[in-house]
Amino acid sequence: MINFKLDSKTHAIAFEIHPKGEEDPIQFKINKYKLLREGDKFFIEISDMETNREWMNIGIENFVSSKKIEIPAQYEKLIRLVM
């Protein structure tokens, strides 16, 4: 991971990775997210996300947007900091 920015006030996340074999880094922007707690489990729901790769944007729209994704228990302390 090259860069990572989290803004818990506006519920935005931006990060950049440079996978081996890729000529340019891939930029991810989560413009709106929600952190949810259900019992003892935490989830993230992403409602607006984009990348600098068109094909990824299509996949995100179809498979990630507005779906709850469970956050592994080992990140509970970190989640509590930003909630």
PDB file of N, CA and C in Angstrom:
ATOM      1  N   MET A   1       0.854  -1.156   0.000  1.00  0.00           N
ATOM      2  CA  MET A   1       0.000   0.000   0.000  1.00  0.00           C
ATOM      3  C   MET A   1       0.908   1.229   0.000  1.00  0.00           C
ATOM      4  N   ILE A   2       0.606   2.153  -0.890  1.00  0.00           N
ATOM      5  CA  ILE A   2       1.420   3.357  -1.013  1.00  0.00           C
ATOM      6  C   ILE A   2       0.887   4.460  -0.106  1.00  0.00           C
ATOM      7  N   ASN A   3      -0.401   4.714  -0.168  1.00  0.00           N
ATOM      8  CA  ASN A   3      -1.037   5.770   0.623  1.00  0.00           C
ATOM      9  C   ASN A   3      -2.323   5.252   1.247  1.00  0.00           C
ATOM     10  N   PHE A   4      -2.696   5.849   2.382  1.00  0.00           N
ATOM     11  CA  PHE A   4      -3.965   5.521   3.027  1.00  0.00           C
ATOM     12  C   PHE A   4      -4.433   6.750   3.790  1.00  0.00           C
ATOM     13  N   LYS A   5      -5.676   7.168   3.548  1.00  0.00           N
ATOM     14  CA  LYS A   5      -6.274   8.300   4.257  1.00  0.00           C
ATOM     15  C   LYS A   5      -7.670   7.906   4.699  1.00  0.00           C
ATOM     16  N   LEU A   6      -7.982   8.208   5.946  1.00  0.00           N
ATOM     17  CA  LEU A   6      -9.294   7.914   6.505  1.00  0.00           C
ATOM     18  C   LEU A   6      -9.845   9.181   7.114  1.00  0.00           C
ATOM     19  N   ASP A   7     -11.051   9.548   6.741  1.00  0.00           N
ATOM     20  CA  ASP A   7     -11.725  10.706   7.329  1.00  0.00           C
ATOM     21  C   ASP A   7     -13.017  10.214   7.958  1.00  0.00           C
ATOM     22  N   SER A   8     -12.993  10.014   9.275  1.00  0.00           N
ATOM     23  CA  SER A   8     -14.165   9.460   9.954  1.00  0.00           C
ATOM     24  C   SER A   8     -15.295  10.479  10.076  1.00  0.00           C
ATOM     25  N   LYS A   9     -14.999  11.755   9.906  1.00  0.00           N
ATOM     26  CA  LYS A   9     -16.057  12.776   9.973  1.00  0.00           C
ATOM     27  C   LYS A   9     -16.911  12.780   8.709  1.00  0.00           C
ATOM     28  N   THR A  10     -16.262  12.648   7.551  1.00  0.00           N
ATOM     29  CA  THR A  10     -17.017  12.638   6.291  1.00  0.00           C
ATOM     30  C   THR A  10     -17.293  11.232   5.795  1.00  0.00           C
ATOM     31  N   HIS A  11     -16.777  10.223   6.522  1.00  0.00           N
ATOM     32  CA  HIS A  11     -16.947   8.811   6.164  1.00  0.00           C
ATOM     33  C   HIS A  11     -16.371   8.516   4.787  1.00  0.00           C
ATOM     34  N   ALA A  12     -15.108   8.954   4.601  1.00  0.00           N
ATOM     35  CA  ALA A  12     -14.414   8.745   3.332  1.00  0.00           C
ATOM     36  C   ALA A  12     -13.074   8.058   3.593  1.00  0.00           C
ATOM     37  N   ILE A  13     -12.667   7.242   2.633  1.00  0.00           N
ATOM     38  CA  ILE A  13     -11.381   6.550   2.687  1.00  0.00           C
ATOM     39  C   ILE A  13     -10.757   6.642   1.296  1.00  0.00           C
ATOM     40  N   ALA A  14      -9.453   6.897   1.252  1.00  0.00           N
ATOM     41  CA  ALA A  14      -8.723   6.878  -0.019  1.00  0.00           C
ATOM     42  C   ALA A  14      -7.440   6.088   0.199  1.00  0.00           C
ATOM     43  N   PHE A  15      -7.132   5.226  -0.743  1.00  0.00           N
ATOM     44  CA  PHE A  15      -5.872   4.507  -0.659  1.00  0.00           C
ATOM     45  C   PHE A  15      -5.378   4.160  -2.056  1.00  0.00           C
ATOM     46  N   GLU A  16      -4.094   3.860  -2.108  1.00  0.00           N
ATOM     47  CA  GLU A  16      -3.447   3.590  -3.385  1.00  0.00           C
ATOM     48  C   GLU A  16      -2.534   2.382  -3.202  1.00  0.00           C
ATOM     49  N   ILE A  17      -2.600   1.475  -4.154  1.00  0.00           N
ATOM     50  CA  ILE A  17      -1.726   0.303  -4.130  1.00  0.00           C
ATOM     51  C   ILE A  17      -1.007   0.205  -5.475  1.00  0.00           C
ATOM     52  N   HIS A  18       0.123  -0.461  -5.480  1.00  0.00           N
ATOM     53  CA  HIS A  18       0.860  -0.669  -6.729  1.00  0.00           C
ATOM     54  C   HIS A  18       1.194  -2.154  -6.835  1.00  0.00           C
ATOM     55  N   PRO A  19       0.244  -2.936  -7.378  1.00  0.00           N
ATOM     56  CA  PRO A  19       0.462  -4.381  -7.502  1.00  0.00           C
ATOM     57  C   PRO A  19       1.630  -4.703  -8.432  1.00  0.00           C
ATOM     58  N   LYS A  20       2.322  -5.769  -8.107  1.00  0.00           N
ATOM     59  CA  LYS A  20       3.424  -6.246  -8.942  1.00  0.00           C
ATOM     60  C   LYS A  20       2.895  -6.516 -10.352  1.00  0.00           C
ATOM     61  N   GLY A  21       3.599  -6.035 -11.328  1.00  0.00           N
ATOM     62  CA  GLY A  21       3.206  -6.243 -12.718  1.00  0.00           C
ATOM     63  C   GLY A  21       2.357  -5.120 -13.291  1.00  0.00           C
ATOM     64  N   GLU A  22       1.823  -4.262 -12.435  1.00  0.00           N
ATOM     65  CA  GLU A  22       1.028  -3.122 -12.914  1.00  0.00           C
ATOM     66  C   GLU A  22       1.962  -1.946 -13.192  1.00  0.00           C
ATOM     67  N   GLU A  23       1.736  -1.278 -14.302  1.00  0.00           N
ATOM     68  CA  GLU A  23       2.577  -0.140 -14.655  1.00  0.00           C
ATOM     69  C   GLU A  23       2.309   1.056 -13.736  1.00  0.00           C
ATOM     70  N   ASP A  24       1.045   1.316 -13.444  1.00  0.00           N
ATOM     71  CA  ASP A  24       0.658   2.459 -12.613  1.00  0.00           C
ATOM     72  C   ASP A  24      -0.077   1.985 -11.371  1.00  0.00           C
ATOM     73  N   PRO A  25      -0.004   2.772 -10.297  1.00  0.00           N
ATOM     74  CA  PRO A  25      -0.746   2.433  -9.080  1.00  0.00           C
ATOM     75  C   PRO A  25      -2.260   2.459  -9.323  1.00  0.00           C
ATOM     76  N   ILE A  26      -2.981   1.720  -8.502  1.00  0.00           N
ATOM     77  CA  ILE A  26      -4.449   1.718  -8.543  1.00  0.00           C
ATOM     78  C   ILE A  26      -4.934   2.570  -7.375  1.00  0.00           C
ATOM     79  N   GLN A  27      -5.766   3.536  -7.681  1.00  0.00           N
ATOM     80  CA  GLN A  27      -6.299   4.445  -6.674  1.00  0.00           C
ATOM     81  C   GLN A  27      -7.739   4.053  -6.353  1.00  0.00           C
ATOM     82  N   PHE A  28      -8.042   3.990  -5.066  1.00  0.00           N
ATOM     83  CA  PHE A  28      -9.383   3.677  -4.594  1.00  0.00           C
ATOM     84  C   PHE A  28      -9.903   4.862  -3.795  1.00  0.00           C
ATOM     85  N   LYS A  29     -11.139   5.249  -4.046  1.00  0.00           N
ATOM     86  CA  LYS A  29     -11.789   6.304  -3.270  1.00  0.00           C
ATOM     87  C   LYS A  29     -13.136   5.790  -2.795  1.00  0.00           C
ATOM     88  N   ILE A  30     -13.283   5.705  -1.501  1.00  0.00           N
ATOM     89  CA  ILE A  30     -14.584   5.381  -0.912  1.00  0.00           C
ATOM     90  C   ILE A  30     -15.134   6.707  -0.424  1.00  0.00           C
ATOM     91  N   ASN A  31     -16.118   7.217  -1.133  1.00  0.00           N
ATOM     92  CA  ASN A  31     -16.646   8.544  -0.838  1.00  0.00           C
ATOM     93  C   ASN A  31     -17.689   8.533   0.269  1.00  0.00           C
ATOM     94  N   LYS A  32     -18.261   7.368   0.540  1.00  0.00           N
ATOM     95  CA  LYS A  32     -19.260   7.262   1.603  1.00  0.00           C
ATOM     96  C   LYS A  32     -19.315   5.826   2.103  1.00  0.00           C
ATOM     97  N   TYR A  33     -19.146   5.662   3.412  1.00  0.00           N
ATOM     98  CA  TYR A  33     -19.243   4.340   4.026  1.00  0.00           C
ATOM     99  C   TYR A  33     -19.971   4.461   5.355  1.00  0.00           C
ATOM    100  N   LYS A  34     -20.477   3.337   5.821  1.00  0.00           N
ATOM    101  CA  LYS A  34     -21.084   3.237   7.150  1.00  0.00           C
ATOM    102  C   LYS A  34     -20.436   2.077   7.872  1.00  0.00           C
ATOM    103  N   LEU A  35     -20.153   2.267   9.148  1.00  0.00           N
ATOM    104  CA  LEU A  35     -19.717   1.167   9.998  1.00  0.00           C
ATOM    105  C   LEU A  35     -20.920   0.739  10.816  1.00  0.00           C
ATOM    106  N   LEU A  36     -21.207  -0.545  10.812  1.00  0.00           N
ATOM    107  CA  LEU A  36     -22.377  -1.081  11.490  1.00  0.00           C
ATOM    108  C   LEU A  36     -21.948  -2.129  12.499  1.00  0.00           C
ATOM    109  N   ARG A  37     -22.706  -2.221  13.572  1.00  0.00           N
ATOM    110  CA  ARG A  37     -22.471  -3.275  14.553  1.00  0.00           C
ATOM    111  C   ARG A  37     -23.763  -4.056  14.720  1.00  0.00           C
ATOM    112  N   GLU A  38     -23.643  -5.362  14.593  1.00  0.00           N
ATOM    113  CA  GLU A  38     -24.783  -6.258  14.805  1.00  0.00           C
ATOM    114  C   GLU A  38     -24.339  -7.323  15.794  1.00  0.00           C
ATOM    115  N   GLY A  39     -24.791  -7.186  17.024  1.00  0.00           N
ATOM    116  CA  GLY A  39     -24.340  -8.099  18.069  1.00  0.00           C
ATOM    117  C   GLY A  39     -22.866  -7.872  18.323  1.00  0.00           C
ATOM    118  N   ASP A  40     -22.057  -8.909  18.204  1.00  0.00           N
ATOM    119  CA  ASP A  40     -20.628  -8.772  18.419  1.00  0.00           C
ATOM    120  C   ASP A  40     -19.840  -8.706  17.108  1.00  0.00           C
ATOM    121  N   LYS A  41     -20.530  -8.472  15.992  1.00  0.00           N
ATOM    122  CA  LYS A  41     -19.878  -8.399  14.686  1.00  0.00           C
ATOM    123  C   LYS A  41     -19.938  -6.973  14.139  1.00  0.00           C
ATOM    124  N   PHE A  42     -18.896  -6.612  13.402  1.00  0.00           N
ATOM    125  CA  PHE A  42     -18.834  -5.312  12.753  1.00  0.00           C
ATOM    126  C   PHE A  42     -18.876  -5.495  11.243  1.00  0.00           C
ATOM    127  N   PHE A  43     -19.497  -4.531  10.571  1.00  0.00           N
ATOM    128  CA  PHE A  43     -19.632  -4.559   9.117  1.00  0.00           C
ATOM    129  C   PHE A  43     -19.322  -3.181   8.563  1.00  0.00           C
ATOM    130  N   ILE A  44     -18.889  -3.148   7.304  1.00  0.00           N
ATOM    131  CA  ILE A  44     -18.776  -1.895   6.573  1.00  0.00           C
ATOM    132  C   ILE A  44     -19.736  -1.981   5.392  1.00  0.00           C
ATOM    133  N   GLU A  45     -20.432  -0.896   5.157  1.00  0.00           N
ATOM    134  CA  GLU A  45     -21.321  -0.803   3.996  1.00  0.00           C
ATOM    135  C   GLU A  45     -20.838   0.376   3.162  1.00  0.00           C
ATOM    136  N   ILE A  46     -20.420   0.086   1.948  1.00  0.00           N
ATOM    137  CA  ILE A  46     -19.884   1.104   1.052  1.00  0.00           C
ATOM    138  C   ILE A  46     -20.982   1.496   0.068  1.00  0.00           C
ATOM    139  N   SER A  47     -21.293   2.799   0.034  1.00  0.00           N
ATOM    140  CA  SER A  47     -22.365   3.212  -0.871  1.00  0.00           C
ATOM    141  C   SER A  47     -21.850   4.027  -2.056  1.00  0.00           C
ATOM    142  N   ASP A  48     -20.591   4.439  -2.028  1.00  0.00           N
ATOM    143  CA  ASP A  48     -20.042   5.214  -3.143  1.00  0.00           C
ATOM    144  C   ASP A  48     -18.537   4.982  -3.205  1.00  0.00           C
ATOM    145  N   MET A  49     -18.090   4.227  -4.212  1.00  0.00           N
ATOM    146  CA  MET A  49     -16.677   3.901  -4.344  1.00  0.00           C
ATOM    147  C   MET A  49     -16.279   3.958  -5.803  1.00  0.00           C
ATOM    148  N   GLU A  50     -15.043   4.411  -6.044  1.00  0.00           N
ATOM    149  CA  GLU A  50     -14.539   4.474  -7.411  1.00  0.00           C
ATOM    150  C   GLU A  50     -13.037   4.217  -7.413  1.00  0.00           C
ATOM    151  N   THR A  51     -12.536   3.821  -8.572  1.00  0.00           N
ATOM    152  CA  THR A  51     -11.105   3.614  -8.770  1.00  0.00           C
ATOM    153  C   THR A  51     -10.687   4.323 -10.054  1.00  0.00           C
ATOM    154  N   ASN A  52      -9.397   4.276 -10.333  1.00  0.00           N
ATOM    155  CA  ASN A  52      -8.928   4.816 -11.606  1.00  0.00           C
ATOM    156  C   ASN A  52      -8.865   3.735 -12.693  1.00  0.00           C
ATOM    157  N   ARG A  53      -9.574   2.633 -12.462  1.00  0.00           N
ATOM    158  CA  ARG A  53      -9.680   1.548 -13.444  1.00  0.00           C
ATOM    159  C   ARG A  53     -11.159   1.306 -13.744  1.00  0.00           C
ATOM    160  N   GLU A  54     -11.558   1.562 -14.971  1.00  0.00           N
ATOM    161  CA  GLU A  54     -12.968   1.444 -15.357  1.00  0.00           C
ATOM    162  C   GLU A  54     -13.517   0.048 -15.103  1.00  0.00           C
ATOM    163  N   TRP A  55     -12.748  -0.983 -15.420  1.00  0.00           N
ATOM    164  CA  TRP A  55     -13.235  -2.353 -15.238  1.00  0.00           C
ATOM    165  C   TRP A  55     -13.470  -2.656 -13.761  1.00  0.00           C
ATOM    166  N   MET A  56     -12.663  -2.088 -12.881  1.00  0.00           N
ATOM    167  CA  MET A  56     -12.881  -2.284 -11.443  1.00  0.00           C
ATOM    168  C   MET A  56     -14.141  -1.566 -10.981  1.00  0.00           C
ATOM    169  N   ASN A  57     -14.389  -0.391 -11.534  1.00  0.00           N
ATOM    170  CA  ASN A  57     -15.601   0.362 -11.163  1.00  0.00           C
ATOM    171  C   ASN A  57     -16.859  -0.439 -11.475  1.00  0.00           C
ATOM    172  N   ILE A  58     -16.856  -1.153 -12.587  1.00  0.00           N
ATOM    173  CA  ILE A  58     -18.009  -1.980 -12.952  1.00  0.00           C
ATOM    174  C   ILE A  58     -18.185  -3.110 -11.931  1.00  0.00           C
ATOM    175  N   GLY A  59     -17.091  -3.761 -11.574  1.00  0.00           N
ATOM    176  CA  GLY A  59     -17.156  -4.827 -10.573  1.00  0.00           C
ATOM    177  C   GLY A  59     -17.599  -4.319  -9.216  1.00  0.00           C
ATOM    178  N   ILE A  60     -17.111  -3.173  -8.819  1.00  0.00           N
ATOM    179  CA  ILE A  60     -17.498  -2.575  -7.543  1.00  0.00           C
ATOM    180  C   ILE A  60     -18.995  -2.297  -7.524  1.00  0.00           C
ATOM    181  N   GLU A  61     -19.488  -1.718  -8.592  1.00  0.00           N
ATOM    182  CA  GLU A  61     -20.920  -1.405  -8.677  1.00  0.00           C
ATOM    183  C   GLU A  61     -21.775  -2.660  -8.552  1.00  0.00           C
ATOM    184  N   ASN A  62     -21.322  -3.741  -9.155  1.00  0.00           N
ATOM    185  CA  ASN A  62     -22.105  -4.981  -9.159  1.00  0.00           C
ATOM    186  C   ASN A  62     -21.937  -5.829  -7.906  1.00  0.00           C
ATOM    187  N   PHE A  63     -20.766  -5.786  -7.270  1.00  0.00           N
ATOM    188  CA  PHE A  63     -20.495  -6.734  -6.190  1.00  0.00           C
ATOM    189  C   PHE A  63     -20.203  -6.131  -4.823  1.00  0.00           C
ATOM    190  N   VAL A  64     -19.943  -4.831  -4.745  1.00  0.00           N
ATOM    191  CA  VAL A  64     -19.557  -4.233  -3.470  1.00  0.00           C
ATOM    192  C   VAL A  64     -20.549  -3.181  -2.992  1.00  0.00           C
ATOM    193  N   SER A  65     -20.980  -2.291  -3.864  1.00  0.00           N
ATOM    194  CA  SER A  65     -21.803  -1.152  -3.464  1.00  0.00           C
ATOM    195  C   SER A  65     -23.082  -1.580  -2.753  1.00  0.00           C
ATOM    196  N   SER A  66     -23.321  -0.936  -1.616  1.00  0.00           N
ATOM    197  CA  SER A  66     -24.524  -1.117  -0.797  1.00  0.00           C
ATOM    198  C   SER A  66     -24.682  -2.520  -0.222  1.00  0.00           C
ATOM    199  N   LYS A  67     -23.597  -3.259  -0.110  1.00  0.00           N
ATOM    200  CA  LYS A  67     -23.639  -4.577   0.524  1.00  0.00           C
ATOM    201  C   LYS A  67     -22.846  -4.509   1.819  1.00  0.00           C
ATOM    202  N   LYS A  68     -23.320  -5.204   2.837  1.00  0.00           N
ATOM    203  CA  LYS A  68     -22.601  -5.267   4.103  1.00  0.00           C
ATOM    204  C   LYS A  68     -21.474  -6.283   3.973  1.00  0.00           C
ATOM    205  N   ILE A  69     -20.277  -5.859   4.369  1.00  0.00           N
ATOM    206  CA  ILE A  69     -19.105  -6.721   4.346  1.00  0.00           C
ATOM    207  C   ILE A  69     -18.616  -6.864   5.782  1.00  0.00           C
ATOM    208  N   GLU A  70     -18.533  -8.100   6.259  1.00  0.00           N
ATOM    209  CA  GLU A  70     -18.102  -8.320   7.638  1.00  0.00           C
ATOM    210  C   GLU A  70     -16.626  -7.981   7.790  1.00  0.00           C
ATOM    211  N   ILE A  71     -16.315  -7.286   8.889  1.00  0.00           N
ATOM    212  CA  ILE A  71     -14.941  -6.933   9.214  1.00  0.00           C
ATOM    213  C   ILE A  71     -14.421  -7.982  10.190  1.00  0.00           C
ATOM    214  N   PRO A  72     -13.282  -8.593   9.914  1.00  0.00           N
ATOM    215  CA  PRO A  72     -12.752  -9.631  10.802  1.00  0.00           C
ATOM    216  C   PRO A  72     -12.568  -9.135  12.237  1.00  0.00           C
ATOM    217  N   ALA A  73     -12.792 -10.018  13.192  1.00  0.00           N
ATOM    218  CA  ALA A  73     -12.763  -9.689  14.618  1.00  0.00           C
ATOM    219  C   ALA A  73     -11.434  -9.097  15.064  1.00  0.00           C
ATOM    220  N   GLN A  74     -10.326  -9.461  14.422  1.00  0.00           N
ATOM    221  CA  GLN A  74      -9.034  -8.949  14.863  1.00  0.00           C
ATOM    222  C   GLN A  74      -8.892  -7.440  14.665  1.00  0.00           C
ATOM    223  N   TYR A  75      -9.791  -6.816  13.902  1.00  0.00           N
ATOM    224  CA  TYR A  75      -9.745  -5.370  13.678  1.00  0.00           C
ATOM    225  C   TYR A  75     -10.727  -4.612  14.573  1.00  0.00           C
ATOM    226  N   GLU A  76     -11.319  -5.289  15.541  1.00  0.00           N
ATOM    227  CA  GLU A  76     -12.331  -4.671  16.400  1.00  0.00           C
ATOM    228  C   GLU A  76     -11.811  -3.418  17.102  1.00  0.00           C
ATOM    229  N   LYS A  77     -10.612  -3.460  17.661  1.00  0.00           N
ATOM    230  CA  LYS A  77     -10.068  -2.290  18.363  1.00  0.00           C
ATOM    231  C   LYS A  77      -9.911  -1.102  17.421  1.00  0.00           C
ATOM    232  N   LEU A  78      -9.454  -1.359  16.216  1.00  0.00           N
ATOM    233  CA  LEU A  78      -9.309  -0.286  15.232  1.00  0.00           C
ATOM    234  C   LEU A  78     -10.670   0.288  14.853  1.00  0.00           C
ATOM    235  N   ILE A  79     -11.654  -0.563  14.674  1.00  0.00           N
ATOM    236  CA  ILE A  79     -12.999  -0.100  14.299  1.00  0.00           C
ATOM    237  C   ILE A  79     -13.581   0.784  15.397  1.00  0.00           C
ATOM    238  N   ARG A  80     -13.387   0.386  16.637  1.00  0.00           N
ATOM    239  CA  ARG A  80     -13.911   1.174  17.759  1.00  0.00           C
ATOM    240  C   ARG A  80     -13.297   2.584  17.785  1.00  0.00           C
ATOM    241  N   LEU A  81     -12.082   2.731  17.318  1.00  0.00           N
ATOM    242  CA  LEU A  81     -11.441   4.046  17.281  1.00  0.00           C
ATOM    243  C   LEU A  81     -12.109   5.000  16.293  1.00  0.00           C
ATOM    244  N   VAL A  82     -12.620   4.468  15.196  1.00  0.00           N
ATOM    245  CA  VAL A  82     -13.192   5.330  14.160  1.00  0.00           C
ATOM    246  C   VAL A  82     -14.712   5.402  14.213  1.00  0.00           C
ATOM    247  N   MET A  83     -15.340   4.639  15.075  1.00  0.00           N
ATOM    248  CA  MET A  83     -16.799   4.683  15.157  1.00  0.00           C
ATOM    249  C   MET A  83     -17.267   5.868  15.975  1.00  0.00           C
TER     250      MET A  83
END
